[in-house]
Amino acid sequence: MQTSPIVKCKFFLTVFLLFFCLCACNDAGDYVGVTHGYLTLGMKQKFGEGGEKKKFYALSDTTVIAPGELKQAVRDKIGLPDKVQSNNEGYEIWIYEKRNIKLFFEKEKFREWAYLK
């Protein structure tokens, strides 16, 4: 008994889509958990030393700035920056000297952050 090529194709397509959805849900869960104040099991970066490597910036225990948030939302949460610069890669950089951080924006969306040196 041989299986038809269509059945094989459907099987592999189903397995691929299942794998893709599981991977996407894991990433989305981490994002949703962070933006709503929950720490999920999938989080690899921890608070404290090496904190500049995490993708989000925690303002407090309940408020975070996560990648993809619009400038207006960030401005509402953290206020206006002390300085605004741009770099060679085209990112707009908001500098907050009192918080000792700089936020990188790509067009209108928050991308990442780093400590001031």
PDB file of N, CA and C in Angstrom:
ATOM      1  N   MET A   1       0.825  -1.173   0.000  1.00  0.00           N
ATOM      2  CA  MET A   1       0.000   0.000   0.000  1.00  0.00           C
ATOM      3  C   MET A   1       0.884   1.256   0.000  1.00  0.00           C
ATOM      4  N   GLN A   2       0.773   2.025  -1.016  1.00  0.00           N
ATOM      5  CA  GLN A   2       1.563   3.249  -1.110  1.00  0.00           C
ATOM      6  C   GLN A   2       0.685   4.461  -0.800  1.00  0.00           C
ATOM      7  N   THR A   3       1.343   5.436  -0.184  1.00  0.00           N
ATOM      8  CA  THR A   3       0.638   6.690   0.074  1.00  0.00           C
ATOM      9  C   THR A   3       0.842   7.622  -1.108  1.00  0.00           C
ATOM     10  N   SER A   4      -0.177   8.356  -1.385  1.00  0.00           N
ATOM     11  CA  SER A   4      -0.080   9.270  -2.516  1.00  0.00           C
ATOM     12  C   SER A   4       0.784  10.471  -2.149  1.00  0.00           C
ATOM     13  N   PRO A   5       1.372  11.105  -3.147  1.00  0.00           N
ATOM     14  CA  PRO A   5       2.203  12.293  -2.879  1.00  0.00           C
ATOM     15  C   PRO A   5       1.422  13.424  -2.208  1.00  0.00           C
ATOM     16  N   ILE A   6       0.135  13.521  -2.463  1.00  0.00           N
ATOM     17  CA  ILE A   6      -0.674  14.582  -1.862  1.00  0.00           C
ATOM     18  C   ILE A   6      -0.798  14.354  -0.358  1.00  0.00           C
ATOM     19  N   VAL A   7      -0.984  13.108   0.046  1.00  0.00           N
ATOM     20  CA  VAL A   7      -1.098  12.792   1.471  1.00  0.00           C
ATOM     21  C   VAL A   7       0.225  13.084   2.178  1.00  0.00           C
ATOM     22  N   LYS A   8       1.344  12.731   1.547  1.00  0.00           N
ATOM     23  CA  LYS A   8       2.657  13.026   2.128  1.00  0.00           C
ATOM     24  C   LYS A   8       2.871  14.533   2.272  1.00  0.00           C
ATOM     25  N   CYS A   9       2.493  15.255   1.235  1.00  0.00           N
ATOM     26  CA  CYS A   9       2.648  16.707   1.261  1.00  0.00           C
ATOM     27  C   CYS A   9       1.799  17.321   2.364  1.00  0.00           C
ATOM     28  N   LYS A  10       0.565  16.866   2.527  1.00  0.00           N
ATOM     29  CA  LYS A  10      -0.309  17.376   3.585  1.00  0.00           C
ATOM     30  C   LYS A  10       0.280  17.084   4.964  1.00  0.00           C
ATOM     31  N   PHE A  11       0.820  15.891   5.125  1.00  0.00           N
ATOM     32  CA  PHE A  11       1.412  15.512   6.409  1.00  0.00           C
ATOM     33  C   PHE A  11       2.586  16.434   6.753  1.00  0.00           C
ATOM     34  N   PHE A  12       3.518  16.611   5.827  1.00  0.00           N
ATOM     35  CA  PHE A  12       4.682  17.452   6.092  1.00  0.00           C
ATOM     36  C   PHE A  12       4.284  18.921   6.278  1.00  0.00           C
ATOM     37  N   LEU A  13       3.320  19.378   5.527  1.00  0.00           N
ATOM     38  CA  LEU A  13       2.836  20.743   5.689  1.00  0.00           C
ATOM     39  C   LEU A  13       2.197  20.931   7.065  1.00  0.00           C
ATOM     40  N   THR A  14       1.424  19.952   7.512  1.00  0.00           N
ATOM     41  CA  THR A  14       0.806  20.017   8.841  1.00  0.00           C
ATOM     42  C   THR A  14       1.855  20.043   9.942  1.00  0.00           C
ATOM     43  N   VAL A  15       2.872  19.188   9.843  1.00  0.00           N
ATOM     44  CA  VAL A  15       3.946  19.147  10.844  1.00  0.00           C
ATOM     45  C   VAL A  15       4.704  20.469  10.852  1.00  0.00           C
ATOM     46  N   PHE A  16       5.004  21.010   9.674  1.00  0.00           N
ATOM     47  CA  PHE A  16       5.718  22.284   9.591  1.00  0.00           C
ATOM     48  C   PHE A  16       4.910  23.415  10.209  1.00  0.00           C
ATOM     49  N   LEU A  17       3.628  23.502   9.884  1.00  0.00           N
ATOM     50  CA  LEU A  17       2.784  24.565  10.429  1.00  0.00           C
ATOM     51  C   LEU A  17       2.621  24.431  11.941  1.00  0.00           C
ATOM     52  N   LEU A  18       2.519  23.217  12.434  1.00  0.00           N
ATOM     53  CA  LEU A  18       2.433  23.001  13.877  1.00  0.00           C
ATOM     54  C   LEU A  18       3.701  23.480  14.574  1.00  0.00           C
ATOM     55  N   PHE A  19       4.853  23.124  14.025  1.00  0.00           N
ATOM     56  CA  PHE A  19       6.132  23.564  14.579  1.00  0.00           C
ATOM     57  C   PHE A  19       6.245  25.085  14.538  1.00  0.00           C
ATOM     58  N   PHE A  20       5.882  25.689  13.420  1.00  0.00           N
ATOM     59  CA  PHE A  20       5.950  27.147  13.263  1.00  0.00           C
ATOM     60  C   PHE A  20       5.055  27.844  14.276  1.00  0.00           C
ATOM     61  N   CYS A  21       3.829  27.358  14.443  1.00  0.00           N
ATOM     62  CA  CYS A  21       2.894  27.980  15.393  1.00  0.00           C
ATOM     63  C   CYS A  21       3.393  27.853  16.827  1.00  0.00           C
ATOM     64  N   LEU A  22       3.943  26.716  17.178  1.00  0.00           N
ATOM     65  CA  LEU A  22       4.467  26.546  18.539  1.00  0.00           C
ATOM     66  C   LEU A  22       5.618  27.505  18.813  1.00  0.00           C
ATOM     67  N   CYS A  23       6.500  27.679  17.841  1.00  0.00           N
ATOM     68  CA  CYS A  23       7.617  28.617  18.018  1.00  0.00           C
ATOM     69  C   CYS A  23       7.104  30.051  18.129  1.00  0.00           C
ATOM     70  N   ALA A  24       6.161  30.421  17.301  1.00  0.00           N
ATOM     71  CA  ALA A  24       5.615  31.781  17.328  1.00  0.00           C
ATOM     72  C   ALA A  24       4.877  32.047  18.631  1.00  0.00           C
ATOM     73  N   CYS A  25       4.143  31.074  19.129  1.00  0.00           N
ATOM     74  CA  CYS A  25       3.402  31.255  20.381  1.00  0.00           C
ATOM     75  C   CYS A  25       4.356  31.422  21.556  1.00  0.00           C
ATOM     76  N   ASN A  26       5.468  30.721  21.536  1.00  0.00           N
ATOM     77  CA  ASN A  26       6.445  30.861  22.611  1.00  0.00           C
ATOM     78  C   ASN A  26       7.000  32.279  22.646  1.00  0.00           C
ATOM     79  N   ASP A  27       7.370  32.827  21.505  1.00  0.00           N
ATOM     80  CA  ASP A  27       7.878  34.200  21.441  1.00  0.00           C
ATOM     81  C   ASP A  27       6.795  35.201  21.830  1.00  0.00           C
ATOM     82  N   ALA A  28       5.584  34.986  21.347  1.00  0.00           N
ATOM     83  CA  ALA A  28       4.487  35.896  21.678  1.00  0.00           C
ATOM     84  C   ALA A  28       4.180  35.832  23.162  1.00  0.00           C
ATOM     85  N   GLY A  29       4.273  34.661  23.768  1.00  0.00           N
ATOM     86  CA  GLY A  29       4.028  34.523  25.200  1.00  0.00           C
ATOM     87  C   GLY A  29       5.021  35.318  26.012  1.00  0.00           C
ATOM     88  N   ASP A  30       6.276  35.294  25.614  1.00  0.00           N
ATOM     89  CA  ASP A  30       7.280  36.081  26.317  1.00  0.00           C
ATOM     90  C   ASP A  30       6.968  37.559  26.197  1.00  0.00           C
ATOM     91  N   TYR A  31       6.596  38.010  25.003  1.00  0.00           N
ATOM     92  CA  TYR A  31       6.294  39.428  24.806  1.00  0.00           C
ATOM     93  C   TYR A  31       5.078  39.836  25.630  1.00  0.00           C
ATOM     94  N   VAL A  32       3.996  39.052  25.546  1.00  0.00           N
ATOM     95  CA  VAL A  32       2.778  39.376  26.282  1.00  0.00           C
ATOM     96  C   VAL A  32       3.041  39.336  27.777  1.00  0.00           C
ATOM     97  N   GLY A  33       3.797  38.345  28.238  1.00  0.00           N
ATOM     98  CA  GLY A  33       4.104  38.248  29.660  1.00  0.00           C
ATOM     99  C   GLY A  33       4.859  39.461  30.155  1.00  0.00           C
ATOM    100  N   VAL A  34       5.807  39.923  29.386  1.00  0.00           N
ATOM    101  CA  VAL A  34       6.603  41.076  29.796  1.00  0.00           C
ATOM    102  C   VAL A  34       5.766  42.342  29.791  1.00  0.00           C
ATOM    103  N   THR A  35       4.957  42.534  28.753  1.00  0.00           N
ATOM    104  CA  THR A  35       4.187  43.770  28.674  1.00  0.00           C
ATOM    105  C   THR A  35       3.083  43.831  29.722  1.00  0.00           C
ATOM    106  N   HIS A  36       2.637  42.685  30.228  1.00  0.00           N
ATOM    107  CA  HIS A  36       1.590  42.669  31.251  1.00  0.00           C
ATOM    108  C   HIS A  36       2.149  42.426  32.647  1.00  0.00           C
ATOM    109  N   GLY A  37       3.459  42.458  32.796  1.00  0.00           N
ATOM    110  CA  GLY A  37       4.053  42.373  34.114  1.00  0.00           C
ATOM    111  C   GLY A  37       4.310  40.970  34.621  1.00  0.00           C
ATOM    112  N   TYR A  38       4.198  39.960  33.752  1.00  0.00           N
ATOM    113  CA  TYR A  38       4.461  38.600  34.181  1.00  0.00           C
ATOM    114  C   TYR A  38       5.808  38.156  33.637  1.00  0.00           C
ATOM    115  N   LEU A  39       6.528  37.370  34.402  1.00  0.00           N
ATOM    116  CA  LEU A  39       7.756  36.765  33.887  1.00  0.00           C
ATOM    117  C   LEU A  39       7.417  35.347  33.468  1.00  0.00           C
ATOM    118  N   THR A  40       7.700  34.993  32.226  1.00  0.00           N
ATOM    119  CA  THR A  40       7.347  33.669  31.735  1.00  0.00           C
ATOM    120  C   THR A  40       8.538  32.745  31.822  1.00  0.00           C
ATOM    121  N   LEU A  41       8.283  31.456  31.698  1.00  0.00           N
ATOM    122  CA  LEU A  41       9.356  30.465  31.784  1.00  0.00           C
ATOM    123  C   LEU A  41      10.334  30.583  30.627  1.00  0.00           C
ATOM    124  N   GLY A  42       9.883  31.118  29.485  1.00  0.00           N
ATOM    125  CA  GLY A  42      10.751  31.223  28.326  1.00  0.00           C
ATOM    126  C   GLY A  42      11.751  32.365  28.386  1.00  0.00           C
ATOM    127  N   MET A  43      11.677  33.219  29.414  1.00  0.00           N
ATOM    128  CA  MET A  43      12.591  34.351  29.493  1.00  0.00           C
ATOM    129  C   MET A  43      13.993  33.861  29.770  1.00  0.00           C
ATOM    130  N   LYS A  44      14.923  34.209  28.914  1.00  0.00           N
ATOM    131  CA  LYS A  44      16.307  33.800  29.094  1.00  0.00           C
ATOM    132  C   LYS A  44      17.105  34.854  29.835  1.00  0.00           C
ATOM    133  N   GLN A  45      16.763  36.126  29.640  1.00  0.00           N
ATOM    134  CA  GLN A  45      17.484  37.195  30.306  1.00  0.00           C
ATOM    135  C   GLN A  45      16.842  37.488  31.654  1.00  0.00           C
ATOM    136  N   LYS A  46      17.661  37.708  32.638  1.00  0.00           N
ATOM    137  CA  LYS A  46      17.176  37.991  33.981  1.00  0.00           C
ATOM    138  C   LYS A  46      17.492  39.439  34.343  1.00  0.00           C
ATOM    139  N   PHE A  47      16.893  39.918  35.424  1.00  0.00           N
ATOM    140  CA  PHE A  47      17.185  41.256  35.915  1.00  0.00           C
ATOM    141  C   PHE A  47      18.562  41.266  36.569  1.00  0.00           C
ATOM    142  N   GLY A  48      19.104  42.449  36.775  1.00  0.00           N
ATOM    143  CA  GLY A  48      20.376  42.578  37.477  1.00  0.00           C
ATOM    144  C   GLY A  48      21.540  42.643  36.509  1.00  0.00           C
ATOM    145  N   GLU A  49      22.649  42.012  36.888  1.00  0.00           N
ATOM    146  CA  GLU A  49      23.865  42.071  36.074  1.00  0.00           C
ATOM    147  C   GLU A  49      23.569  41.544  34.677  1.00  0.00           C
ATOM    148  N   GLY A  50      24.033  42.246  33.673  1.00  0.00           N
ATOM    149  CA  GLY A  50      23.740  41.876  32.287  1.00  0.00           C
ATOM    150  C   GLY A  50      22.366  42.358  31.849  1.00  0.00           C
ATOM    151  N   GLY A  51      21.783  43.240  32.625  1.00  0.00           N
ATOM    152  CA  GLY A  51      20.431  43.706  32.329  1.00  0.00           C
ATOM    153  C   GLY A  51      20.315  44.409  30.995  1.00  0.00           C
ATOM    154  N   GLU A  52      21.416  44.968  30.497  1.00  0.00           N
ATOM    155  CA  GLU A  52      21.336  45.676  29.220  1.00  0.00           C
ATOM    156  C   GLU A  52      21.092  44.723  28.068  1.00  0.00           C
ATOM    157  N   LYS A  53      21.210  43.409  28.291  1.00  0.00           N
ATOM    158  CA  LYS A  53      20.992  42.445  27.216  1.00  0.00           C
ATOM    159  C   LYS A  53      19.526  42.063  27.065  1.00  0.00           C
ATOM    160  N   LYS A  54      18.691  42.385  28.053  1.00  0.00           N
ATOM    161  CA  LYS A  54      17.285  42.038  27.915  1.00  0.00           C
ATOM    162  C   LYS A  54      16.638  42.990  26.914  1.00  0.00           C
ATOM    163  N   LYS A  55      15.606  42.526  26.261  1.00  0.00           N
ATOM    164  CA  LYS A  55      14.996  43.286  25.185  1.00  0.00           C
ATOM    165  C   LYS A  55      14.067  44.382  25.687  1.00  0.00           C
ATOM    166  N   PHE A  56      13.497  44.228  26.866  1.00  0.00           N
ATOM    167  CA  PHE A  56      12.578  45.215  27.399  1.00  0.00           C
ATOM    168  C   PHE A  56      13.278  46.012  28.491  1.00  0.00           C
ATOM    169  N   TYR A  57      12.700  47.154  28.847  1.00  0.00           N
ATOM    170  CA  TYR A  57      13.247  47.966  29.936  1.00  0.00           C
ATOM    171  C   TYR A  57      12.181  48.089  31.007  1.00  0.00           C
ATOM    172  N   ALA A  58      12.479  47.667  32.223  1.00  0.00           N
ATOM    173  CA  ALA A  58      11.520  47.713  33.326  1.00  0.00           C
ATOM    174  C   ALA A  58      11.635  49.053  34.036  1.00  0.00           C
ATOM    175  N   LEU A  59      10.567  49.841  34.000  1.00  0.00           N
ATOM    176  CA  LEU A  59      10.518  51.110  34.715  1.00  0.00           C
ATOM    177  C   LEU A  59      10.218  50.868  36.187  1.00  0.00           C
ATOM    178  N   SER A  60       9.378  49.882  36.447  1.00  0.00           N
ATOM    179  CA  SER A  60       9.022  49.490  37.806  1.00  0.00           C
ATOM    180  C   SER A  60       8.618  48.024  37.752  1.00  0.00           C
ATOM    181  N   ASP A  61       8.103  47.512  38.852  1.00  0.00           N
ATOM    182  CA  ASP A  61       7.680  46.112  38.866  1.00  0.00           C
ATOM    183  C   ASP A  61       6.498  45.852  37.939  1.00  0.00           C
ATOM    184  N   THR A  62       5.711  46.858  37.668  1.00  0.00           N
ATOM    185  CA  THR A  62       4.501  46.668  36.868  1.00  0.00           C
ATOM    186  C   THR A  62       4.532  47.360  35.509  1.00  0.00           C
ATOM    187  N   THR A  63       5.525  48.197  35.247  1.00  0.00           N
ATOM    188  CA  THR A  63       5.569  48.960  33.991  1.00  0.00           C
ATOM    189  C   THR A  63       6.858  48.660  33.243  1.00  0.00           C
ATOM    190  N   VAL A  64       6.708  48.277  31.977  1.00  0.00           N
ATOM    191  CA  VAL A  64       7.869  48.003  31.133  1.00  0.00           C
ATOM    192  C   VAL A  64       7.694  48.680  29.786  1.00  0.00           C
ATOM    193  N   ILE A  65       8.820  48.881  29.121  1.00  0.00           N
ATOM    194  CA  ILE A  65       8.822  49.337  27.729  1.00  0.00           C
ATOM    195  C   ILE A  65       9.360  48.167  26.923  1.00  0.00           C
ATOM    196  N   ALA A  66       8.563  47.676  26.002  1.00  0.00           N
ATOM    197  CA  ALA A  66       8.935  46.499  25.218  1.00  0.00           C
ATOM    198  C   ALA A  66       9.145  46.887  23.760  1.00  0.00           C
ATOM    199  N   PRO A  67       9.995  46.148  23.044  1.00  0.00           N
ATOM    200  CA  PRO A  67      10.209  46.435  21.622  1.00  0.00           C
ATOM    201  C   PRO A  67       8.899  46.445  20.847  1.00  0.00           C
ATOM    202  N   GLY A  68       8.797  47.397  19.940  1.00  0.00           N
ATOM    203  CA  GLY A  68       7.606  47.526  19.116  1.00  0.00           C
ATOM    204  C   GLY A  68       6.632  48.582  19.601  1.00  0.00           C
ATOM    205  N   GLU A  69       6.824  49.065  20.833  1.00  0.00           N
ATOM    206  CA  GLU A  69       5.933  50.113  21.334  1.00  0.00           C
ATOM    207  C   GLU A  69       6.210  51.417  20.589  1.00  0.00           C
ATOM    208  N   LEU A  70       5.168  52.187  20.381  1.00  0.00           N
ATOM    209  CA  LEU A  70       5.300  53.453  19.673  1.00  0.00           C
ATOM    210  C   LEU A  70       5.918  54.520  20.570  1.00  0.00           C
ATOM    211  N   LYS A  71       6.499  55.526  19.925  1.00  0.00           N
ATOM    212  CA  LYS A  71       7.141  56.623  20.665  1.00  0.00           C
ATOM    213  C   LYS A  71       6.178  57.284  21.645  1.00  0.00           C
ATOM    214  N   GLN A  72       4.927  57.477  21.222  1.00  0.00           N
ATOM    215  CA  GLN A  72       3.944  58.136  22.083  1.00  0.00           C
ATOM    216  C   GLN A  72       3.720  57.333  23.364  1.00  0.00           C
ATOM    217  N   ALA A  73       3.643  56.014  23.250  1.00  0.00           N
ATOM    218  CA  ALA A  73       3.441  55.164  24.428  1.00  0.00           C
ATOM    219  C   ALA A  73       4.646  55.244  25.362  1.00  0.00           C
ATOM    220  N   VAL A  74       5.844  55.250  24.778  1.00  0.00           N
ATOM    221  CA  VAL A  74       7.060  55.363  25.583  1.00  0.00           C
ATOM    222  C   VAL A  74       7.096  56.723  26.269  1.00  0.00           C
ATOM    223  N   ARG A  75       6.767  57.773  25.538  1.00  0.00           N
ATOM    224  CA  ARG A  75       6.754  59.128  26.093  1.00  0.00           C
ATOM    225  C   ARG A  75       5.763  59.226  27.249  1.00  0.00           C
ATOM    226  N   ASP A  76       4.612  58.569  27.113  1.00  0.00           N
ATOM    227  CA  ASP A  76       3.607  58.583  28.182  1.00  0.00           C
ATOM    228  C   ASP A  76       4.119  57.870  29.437  1.00  0.00           C
ATOM    229  N   LYS A  77       4.904  56.817  29.255  1.00  0.00           N
ATOM    230  CA  LYS A  77       5.387  56.034  30.395  1.00  0.00           C
ATOM    231  C   LYS A  77       6.583  56.672  31.089  1.00  0.00           C
ATOM    232  N   ILE A  78       7.525  57.205  30.300  1.00  0.00           N
ATOM    233  CA  ILE A  78       8.807  57.627  30.864  1.00  0.00           C
ATOM    234  C   ILE A  78       9.035  59.135  30.777  1.00  0.00           C
ATOM    235  N   GLY A  79       8.251  59.829  29.984  1.00  0.00           N
ATOM    236  CA  GLY A  79       8.418  61.272  29.825  1.00  0.00           C
ATOM    237  C   GLY A  79       9.328  61.614  28.662  1.00  0.00           C
ATOM    238  N   LEU A  80       9.535  62.904  28.479  1.00  0.00           N
ATOM    239  CA  LEU A  80      10.383  63.375  27.385  1.00  0.00           C
ATOM    240  C   LEU A  80      11.859  63.119  27.703  1.00  0.00           C
ATOM    241  N   PRO A  81      12.671  62.846  26.688  1.00  0.00           N
ATOM    242  CA  PRO A  81      14.095  62.601  26.927  1.00  0.00           C
ATOM    243  C   PRO A  81      14.850  63.899  27.225  1.00  0.00           C
ATOM    244  N   ASP A  82      16.027  63.751  27.859  1.00  0.00           N
ATOM    245  CA  ASP A  82      16.892  64.904  28.090  1.00  0.00           C
ATOM    246  C   ASP A  82      17.555  65.354  26.797  1.00  0.00           C
ATOM    247  N   LYS A  83      17.934  64.385  25.944  1.00  0.00           N
ATOM    248  CA  LYS A  83      18.570  64.669  24.645  1.00  0.00           C
ATOM    249  C   LYS A  83      18.027  63.705  23.608  1.00  0.00           C
ATOM    250  N   VAL A  84      18.060  64.140  22.345  1.00  0.00           N
ATOM    251  CA  VAL A  84      17.690  63.277  21.224  1.00  0.00           C
ATOM    252  C   VAL A  84      18.820  63.335  20.211  1.00  0.00           C
ATOM    253  N   GLN A  85      19.290  62.165  19.793  1.00  0.00           N
ATOM    254  CA  GLN A  85      20.364  62.071  18.800  1.00  0.00           C
ATOM    255  C   GLN A  85      19.962  61.063  17.739  1.00  0.00           C
ATOM    256  N   SER A  86      20.778  60.946  16.707  1.00  0.00           N
ATOM    257  CA  SER A  86      20.612  59.869  15.733  1.00  0.00           C
ATOM    258  C   SER A  86      21.996  59.310  15.426  1.00  0.00           C
ATOM    259  N   ASN A  87      22.027  58.039  15.035  1.00  0.00           N
ATOM    260  CA  ASN A  87      23.319  57.422  14.719  1.00  0.00           C
ATOM    261  C   ASN A  87      23.400  57.090  13.234  1.00  0.00           C
ATOM    262  N   ASN A  88      24.510  56.487  12.837  1.00  0.00           N
ATOM    263  CA  ASN A  88      24.750  56.196  11.420  1.00  0.00           C
ATOM    264  C   ASN A  88      23.812  55.137  10.857  1.00  0.00           C
ATOM    265  N   GLU A  89      23.278  54.271  11.732  1.00  0.00           N
ATOM    266  CA  GLU A  89      22.364  53.234  11.256  1.00  0.00           C
ATOM    267  C   GLU A  89      20.945  53.753  11.049  1.00  0.00           C
ATOM    268  N   GLY A  90      20.708  55.003  11.399  1.00  0.00           N
ATOM    269  CA  GLY A  90      19.397  55.599  11.194  1.00  0.00           C
ATOM    270  C   GLY A  90      18.475  55.510  12.394  1.00  0.00           C
ATOM    271  N   TYR A  91      18.985  55.079  13.539  1.00  0.00           N
ATOM    272  CA  TYR A  91      18.159  55.019  14.746  1.00  0.00           C
ATOM    273  C   TYR A  91      18.099  56.383  15.416  1.00  0.00           C
ATOM    274  N   GLU A  92      16.934  56.707  15.934  1.00  0.00           N
ATOM    275  CA  GLU A  92      16.796  57.890  16.770  1.00  0.00           C
ATOM    276  C   GLU A  92      17.058  57.436  18.199  1.00  0.00           C
ATOM    277  N   ILE A  93      17.888  58.174  18.913  1.00  0.00           N
ATOM    278  CA  ILE A  93      18.293  57.778  20.260  1.00  0.00           C
ATOM    279  C   ILE A  93      17.785  58.810  21.255  1.00  0.00           C
ATOM    280  N   TRP A  94      16.992  58.341  22.214  1.00  0.00           N
ATOM    281  CA  TRP A  94      16.527  59.193  23.293  1.00  0.00           C
ATOM    282  C   TRP A  94      17.409  58.932  24.497  1.00  0.00           C
ATOM    283  N   ILE A  95      17.963  59.982  25.065  1.00  0.00           N
ATOM    284  CA  ILE A  95      18.878  59.849  26.200  1.00  0.00           C
ATOM    285  C   ILE A  95      18.204  60.385  27.465  1.00  0.00           C
ATOM    286  N   TYR A  96      18.188  59.541  28.492  1.00  0.00           N
ATOM    287  CA  TYR A  96      17.657  59.898  29.811  1.00  0.00           C
ATOM    288  C   TYR A  96      18.821  59.826  30.796  1.00  0.00           C
ATOM    289  N   GLU A  97      19.404  60.976  31.102  1.00  0.00           N
ATOM    290  CA  GLU A  97      20.598  61.009  31.941  1.00  0.00           C
ATOM    291  C   GLU A  97      20.318  60.599  33.381  1.00  0.00           C
ATOM    292  N   LYS A  98      19.179  60.989  33.943  1.00  0.00           N
ATOM    293  CA  LYS A  98      18.869  60.633  35.334  1.00  0.00           C
ATOM    294  C   LYS A  98      18.653  59.132  35.496  1.00  0.00           C
ATOM    295  N   ARG A  99      18.101  58.490  34.489  1.00  0.00           N
ATOM    296  CA  ARG A  99      17.896  57.037  34.529  1.00  0.00           C
ATOM    297  C   ARG A  99      19.122  56.273  34.030  1.00  0.00           C
ATOM    298  N   ASN A 100      20.089  56.987  33.440  1.00  0.00           N
ATOM    299  CA  ASN A 100      21.326  56.399  32.932  1.00  0.00           C
ATOM    300  C   ASN A 100      21.065  55.398  31.799  1.00  0.00           C
ATOM    301  N   ILE A 101      20.127  55.742  30.907  1.00  0.00           N
ATOM    302  CA  ILE A 101      19.811  54.857  29.787  1.00  0.00           C
ATOM    303  C   ILE A 101      19.664  55.664  28.506  1.00  0.00           C
ATOM    304  N   LYS A 102      19.751  54.922  27.402  1.00  0.00           N
ATOM    305  CA  LYS A 102      19.397  55.486  26.101  1.00  0.00           C
ATOM    306  C   LYS A 102      18.494  54.482  25.398  1.00  0.00           C
ATOM    307  N   LEU A 103      17.456  55.008  24.749  1.00  0.00           N
ATOM    308  CA  LEU A 103      16.478  54.193  24.043  1.00  0.00           C
ATOM    309  C   LEU A 103      16.658  54.389  22.546  1.00  0.00           C
ATOM    310  N   PHE A 104      16.636  53.296  21.797  1.00  0.00           N
ATOM    311  CA  PHE A 104      16.812  53.333  20.355  1.00  0.00           C
ATOM    312  C   PHE A 104      15.459  53.112  19.677  1.00  0.00           C
ATOM    313  N   PHE A 105      15.144  53.997  18.733  1.00  0.00           N
ATOM    314  CA  PHE A 105      13.899  53.905  17.983  1.00  0.00           C
ATOM    315  C   PHE A 105      14.206  53.730  16.510  1.00  0.00           C
ATOM    316  N   GLU A 106      13.487  52.819  15.887  1.00  0.00           N
ATOM    317  CA  GLU A 106      13.568  52.637  14.441  1.00  0.00           C
ATOM    318  C   GLU A 106      12.248  53.149  13.873  1.00  0.00           C
ATOM    319  N   LYS A 107      12.318  54.259  13.191  1.00  0.00           N
ATOM    320  CA  LYS A 107      11.136  54.994  12.726  1.00  0.00           C
ATOM    321  C   LYS A 107      10.314  55.387  13.951  1.00  0.00           C
ATOM    322  N   GLU A 108       9.111  54.888  14.104  1.00  0.00           N
ATOM    323  CA  GLU A 108       8.253  55.279  15.222  1.00  0.00           C
ATOM    324  C   GLU A 108       8.218  54.248  16.349  1.00  0.00           C
ATOM    325  N   LYS A 109       8.992  53.157  16.218  1.00  0.00           N
ATOM    326  CA  LYS A 109       8.892  52.073  17.185  1.00  0.00           C
ATOM    327  C   LYS A 109      10.165  51.911  18.017  1.00  0.00           C
ATOM    328  N   PHE A 110       9.965  51.614  19.306  1.00  0.00           N
ATOM    329  CA  PHE A 110      11.076  51.328  20.215  1.00  0.00           C
ATOM    330  C   PHE A 110      11.716  50.017  19.793  1.00  0.00           C
ATOM    331  N   ARG A 111      13.057  50.020  19.708  1.00  0.00           N
ATOM    332  CA  ARG A 111      13.766  48.819  19.280  1.00  0.00           C
ATOM    333  C   ARG A 111      14.550  48.184  20.410  1.00  0.00           C
ATOM    334  N   GLU A 112      15.394  48.947  21.099  1.00  0.00           N
ATOM    335  CA  GLU A 112      16.217  48.406  22.183  1.00  0.00           C
ATOM    336  C   GLU A 112      16.714  49.531  23.066  1.00  0.00           C
ATOM    337  N   TRP A 113      17.425  49.168  24.137  1.00  0.00           N
ATOM    338  CA  TRP A 113      17.941  50.157  25.063  1.00  0.00           C
ATOM    339  C   TRP A 113      19.322  49.735  25.528  1.00  0.00           C
ATOM    340  N   ALA A 114      20.055  50.680  26.107  1.00  0.00           N
ATOM    341  CA  ALA A 114      21.388  50.398  26.635  1.00  0.00           C
ATOM    342  C   ALA A 114      21.684  51.391  27.761  1.00  0.00           C
ATOM    343  N   TYR A 115      22.598  50.997  28.628  1.00  0.00           N
ATOM    344  CA  TYR A 115      23.038  51.914  29.673  1.00  0.00           C
ATOM    345  C   TYR A 115      23.948  52.982  29.063  1.00  0.00           C
ATOM    346  N   LEU A 116      23.943  54.179  29.622  1.00  0.00           N
ATOM    347  CA  LEU A 116      24.904  55.214  29.224  1.00  0.00           C
ATOM    348  C   LEU A 116      26.258  54.811  29.764  1.00  0.00           C
ATOM    349  N   LYS A 117      27.291  55.132  29.021  1.00  0.00           N
ATOM    350  CA  LYS A 117      28.649  54.772  29.479  1.00  0.00           C
ATOM    351  C   LYS A 117      29.306  55.908  30.220  1.00  0.00           C
TER     352      LYS A 117
END
